Amino acid sequence: MELIDELGEVGQKQPIEITADDGTTVEGHVSQSIYEPGNKLRLEISAGEDDGYQRFQVRADAEDGDWPTPHVRGRETGNDDWTDLGTVADVEVETGHRTNTEDMDVQGEADPDAEE
């Protein structure tokens, strides 16, 4: 499932925005990421308190190799109980990291196309 793979690649401290199917938008930074392919996915997200929530969790457990759509729940400021917000409808991950190594300068190697 593409959604599970995308969420599984999210690392700690990455900015993320998730929209739940109830219309709630979760925006914050990943504080914990656990992904065991074929088994489970857990993301803990720390968010601002503008909407009353301080923490969110996205989770899914595979059953016989099949993944359900991950569920989103939130914990309100000052409350120990989680509120179910539904399933993930949309995800936007801001990488902010350079992943294309072909574009990177490698120290100690000369650029063969550079003029001397």
C-alpha atoms as a PDB file:
ATOM      1  CA  MET A   1       0.000   0.000   0.000  1.00  0.00           C
ATOM      2  CA  GLU A   2       1.528   3.313  -1.084  1.00  0.00           C
ATOM      3  CA  LEU A   3       0.162   5.225   1.909  1.00  0.00           C
ATOM      4  CA  ILE A   4       1.747   2.801   4.387  1.00  0.00           C
ATOM      5  CA  ASP A   5       5.084   2.964   2.541  1.00  0.00           C
ATOM      6  CA  GLU A   6       4.978   6.769   2.476  1.00  0.00           C
ATOM      7  CA  LEU A   7       4.204   6.999   6.177  1.00  0.00           C
ATOM      8  CA  GLY A   8       6.773   4.305   6.964  1.00  0.00           C
ATOM      9  CA  GLU A   9       9.531   6.401   5.392  1.00  0.00           C
ATOM     10  CA  VAL A  10       8.794   9.447   7.553  1.00  0.00           C
ATOM     11  CA  GLY A  11      11.564  10.062  10.058  1.00  0.00           C
ATOM     12  CA  GLN A  12      11.698  11.793  13.388  1.00  0.00           C
ATOM     13  CA  LYS A  13      11.470  15.595  13.412  1.00  0.00           C
ATOM     14  CA  GLN A  14      10.076  15.721   9.863  1.00  0.00           C
ATOM     15  CA  PRO A  15       7.235  18.187   9.341  1.00  0.00           C
ATOM     16  CA  ILE A  16       4.028  16.409   8.361  1.00  0.00           C
ATOM     17  CA  GLU A  17       0.444  17.364   7.588  1.00  0.00           C
ATOM     18  CA  ILE A  18      -2.294  14.755   7.712  1.00  0.00           C
ATOM     19  CA  THR A  19      -5.965  15.228   6.981  1.00  0.00           C
ATOM     20  CA  ALA A  20      -8.321  12.757   8.625  1.00  0.00           C
ATOM     21  CA  ASP A  21     -11.553  11.716   6.961  1.00  0.00           C
ATOM     22  CA  ASP A  22     -13.500  13.800   9.512  1.00  0.00           C
ATOM     23  CA  GLY A  23     -11.812  16.906   8.075  1.00  0.00           C
ATOM     24  CA  THR A  24      -9.365  17.428  10.962  1.00  0.00           C
ATOM     25  CA  THR A  25      -5.943  18.597   9.822  1.00  0.00           C
ATOM     26  CA  VAL A  26      -2.983  17.413  11.864  1.00  0.00           C
ATOM     27  CA  GLU A  27       0.087  19.570  11.421  1.00  0.00           C
ATOM     28  CA  GLY A  28       3.290  19.119  13.365  1.00  0.00           C
ATOM     29  CA  HIS A  29       6.584  17.262  13.623  1.00  0.00           C
ATOM     30  CA  VAL A  30       7.041  13.524  13.973  1.00  0.00           C
ATOM     31  CA  SER A  31       8.332  12.813  17.466  1.00  0.00           C
ATOM     32  CA  GLN A  32       8.437   9.029  17.092  1.00  0.00           C
ATOM     33  CA  SER A  33       8.313   6.761  14.065  1.00  0.00           C
ATOM     34  CA  ILE A  34       7.957   2.974  14.215  1.00  0.00           C
ATOM     35  CA  TYR A  35       7.521   0.977  11.032  1.00  0.00           C
ATOM     36  CA  GLU A  36       7.774  -2.786  10.825  1.00  0.00           C
ATOM     37  CA  PRO A  37       6.949  -3.765   7.210  1.00  0.00           C
ATOM     38  CA  GLY A  38       4.167  -6.319   7.099  1.00  0.00           C
ATOM     39  CA  ASN A  39       3.406  -5.788  10.779  1.00  0.00           C
ATOM     40  CA  LYS A  40       2.791  -2.316  12.226  1.00  0.00           C
ATOM     41  CA  LEU A  41       3.073   1.424  11.706  1.00  0.00           C
ATOM     42  CA  ARG A  42       3.055   4.061  14.454  1.00  0.00           C
ATOM     43  CA  LEU A  43       3.715   7.791  14.138  1.00  0.00           C
ATOM     44  CA  GLU A  44       3.568  10.130  17.105  1.00  0.00           C
ATOM     45  CA  ILE A  45       3.144  13.752  16.060  1.00  0.00           C
ATOM     46  CA  SER A  46       3.760  16.772  18.264  1.00  0.00           C
ATOM     47  CA  ALA A  47       1.599  19.699  17.252  1.00  0.00           C
ATOM     48  CA  GLY A  48       0.850  23.221  18.308  1.00  0.00           C
ATOM     49  CA  GLU A  49      -2.030  23.740  20.672  1.00  0.00           C
ATOM     50  CA  ASP A  50      -3.999  26.129  18.448  1.00  0.00           C
ATOM     51  CA  ASP A  51      -6.739  23.565  17.892  1.00  0.00           C
ATOM     52  CA  GLY A  52      -6.701  22.182  21.443  1.00  0.00           C
ATOM     53  CA  TYR A  53      -4.650  19.100  20.618  1.00  0.00           C
ATOM     54  CA  GLN A  54      -1.032  18.664  21.618  1.00  0.00           C
ATOM     55  CA  ARG A  55      -0.338  15.121  20.384  1.00  0.00           C
ATOM     56  CA  PHE A  56      -1.540  12.942  17.566  1.00  0.00           C
ATOM     57  CA  GLN A  57      -0.972   9.318  16.716  1.00  0.00           C
ATOM     58  CA  VAL A  58      -1.288   7.594  13.363  1.00  0.00           C
ATOM     59  CA  ARG A  59      -1.405   3.815  13.545  1.00  0.00           C
ATOM     60  CA  ALA A  60      -2.137   0.709  11.535  1.00  0.00           C
ATOM     61  CA  ASP A  61      -1.597  -3.002  12.131  1.00  0.00           C
ATOM     62  CA  ALA A  62      -1.303  -5.417   9.232  1.00  0.00           C
ATOM     63  CA  GLU A  63      -3.480  -8.489   9.339  1.00  0.00           C
ATOM     64  CA  ASP A  64      -2.357 -11.457   7.237  1.00  0.00           C
ATOM     65  CA  GLY A  65      -0.237  -9.075   5.123  1.00  0.00           C
ATOM     66  CA  ASP A  66      -3.108  -6.681   4.431  1.00  0.00           C
ATOM     67  CA  TRP A  67      -2.941  -3.112   5.707  1.00  0.00           C
ATOM     68  CA  PRO A  68      -6.020  -1.168   6.745  1.00  0.00           C
ATOM     69  CA  THR A  69      -6.142   2.582   6.209  1.00  0.00           C
ATOM     70  CA  PRO A  70      -4.233   4.087   9.168  1.00  0.00           C
ATOM     71  CA  HIS A  71      -6.297   5.603  11.980  1.00  0.00           C
ATOM     72  CA  VAL A  72      -5.666   9.036  13.460  1.00  0.00           C
ATOM     73  CA  ARG A  73      -6.335   9.966  17.053  1.00  0.00           C
ATOM     74  CA  GLY A  74      -5.546  13.043  19.115  1.00  0.00           C
ATOM     75  CA  ARG A  75      -4.945  13.862  22.746  1.00  0.00           C
ATOM     76  CA  GLU A  76      -6.246  17.219  23.888  1.00  0.00           C
ATOM     77  CA  THR A  77      -4.239  19.493  26.139  1.00  0.00           C
ATOM     78  CA  GLY A  78      -4.833  18.547  29.764  1.00  0.00           C
ATOM     79  CA  ASN A  79      -6.671  15.325  28.925  1.00  0.00           C
ATOM     80  CA  ASP A  80      -5.287  11.791  29.199  1.00  0.00           C
ATOM     81  CA  ASP A  81      -7.858  10.242  26.849  1.00  0.00           C
ATOM     82  CA  TRP A  82      -7.419   9.858  23.097  1.00  0.00           C
ATOM     83  CA  THR A  83     -10.112  11.042  20.669  1.00  0.00           C
ATOM     84  CA  ASP A  84     -10.574   9.015  17.473  1.00  0.00           C
ATOM     85  CA  LEU A  85     -10.447  11.329  14.445  1.00  0.00           C
ATOM     86  CA  GLY A  86     -11.000   8.679  11.766  1.00  0.00           C
ATOM     87  CA  THR A  87      -8.743   7.387   9.036  1.00  0.00           C
ATOM     88  CA  VAL A  88      -6.027   9.133   7.032  1.00  0.00           C
ATOM     89  CA  ALA A  89      -7.495  10.820   3.955  1.00  0.00           C
ATOM     90  CA  ASP A  90      -4.457  12.827   2.809  1.00  0.00           C
ATOM     91  CA  VAL A  91      -0.761  13.151   3.722  1.00  0.00           C
ATOM     92  CA  GLU A  92       1.838  15.785   2.948  1.00  0.00           C
ATOM     93  CA  VAL A  93       5.378  15.200   4.164  1.00  0.00           C
ATOM     94  CA  GLU A  94       7.903  18.011   4.006  1.00  0.00           C
ATOM     95  CA  THR A  95      11.273  16.354   3.612  1.00  0.00           C
ATOM     96  CA  GLY A  96      13.548  19.377   3.630  1.00  0.00           C
ATOM     97  CA  HIS A  97      16.346  16.949   2.961  1.00  0.00           C
ATOM     98  CA  ARG A  98      18.338  16.460  -0.165  1.00  0.00           C
ATOM     99  CA  THR A  99      17.994  12.863  -1.298  1.00  0.00           C
ATOM    100  CA  ASN A 100      19.314  12.950  -4.856  1.00  0.00           C
ATOM    101  CA  THR A 101      22.983  12.094  -4.386  1.00  0.00           C
ATOM    102  CA  GLU A 102      23.749  12.864  -8.036  1.00  0.00           C
ATOM    103  CA  ASP A 103      23.199  16.553  -7.270  1.00  0.00           C
ATOM    104  CA  MET A 104      25.496  16.551  -4.262  1.00  0.00           C
ATOM    105  CA  ASP A 105      29.139  17.535  -4.242  1.00  0.00           C
ATOM    106  CA  VAL A 106      31.276  14.717  -2.928  1.00  0.00           C
ATOM    107  CA  GLN A 107      34.294  15.969  -1.043  1.00  0.00           C
ATOM    108  CA  GLY A 108      37.586  14.933  -2.635  1.00  0.00           C
ATOM    109  CA  GLU A 109      36.156  14.221  -6.078  1.00  0.00           C
ATOM    110  CA  ALA A 110      36.639  16.635  -8.940  1.00  0.00           C
ATOM    111  CA  ASP A 111      33.803  17.534 -11.267  1.00  0.00           C
ATOM    112  CA  PRO A 112      34.892  16.171 -14.696  1.00  0.00           C
ATOM    113  CA  ASP A 113      32.827  18.847 -16.504  1.00  0.00           C
ATOM    114  CA  ALA A 114      34.296  21.789 -14.584  1.00  0.00           C
ATOM    115  CA  GLU A 115      36.693  24.133 -16.327  1.00  0.00           C
ATOM    116  CA  GLU A 116      40.050  24.576 -14.675  1.00  0.00           C
END
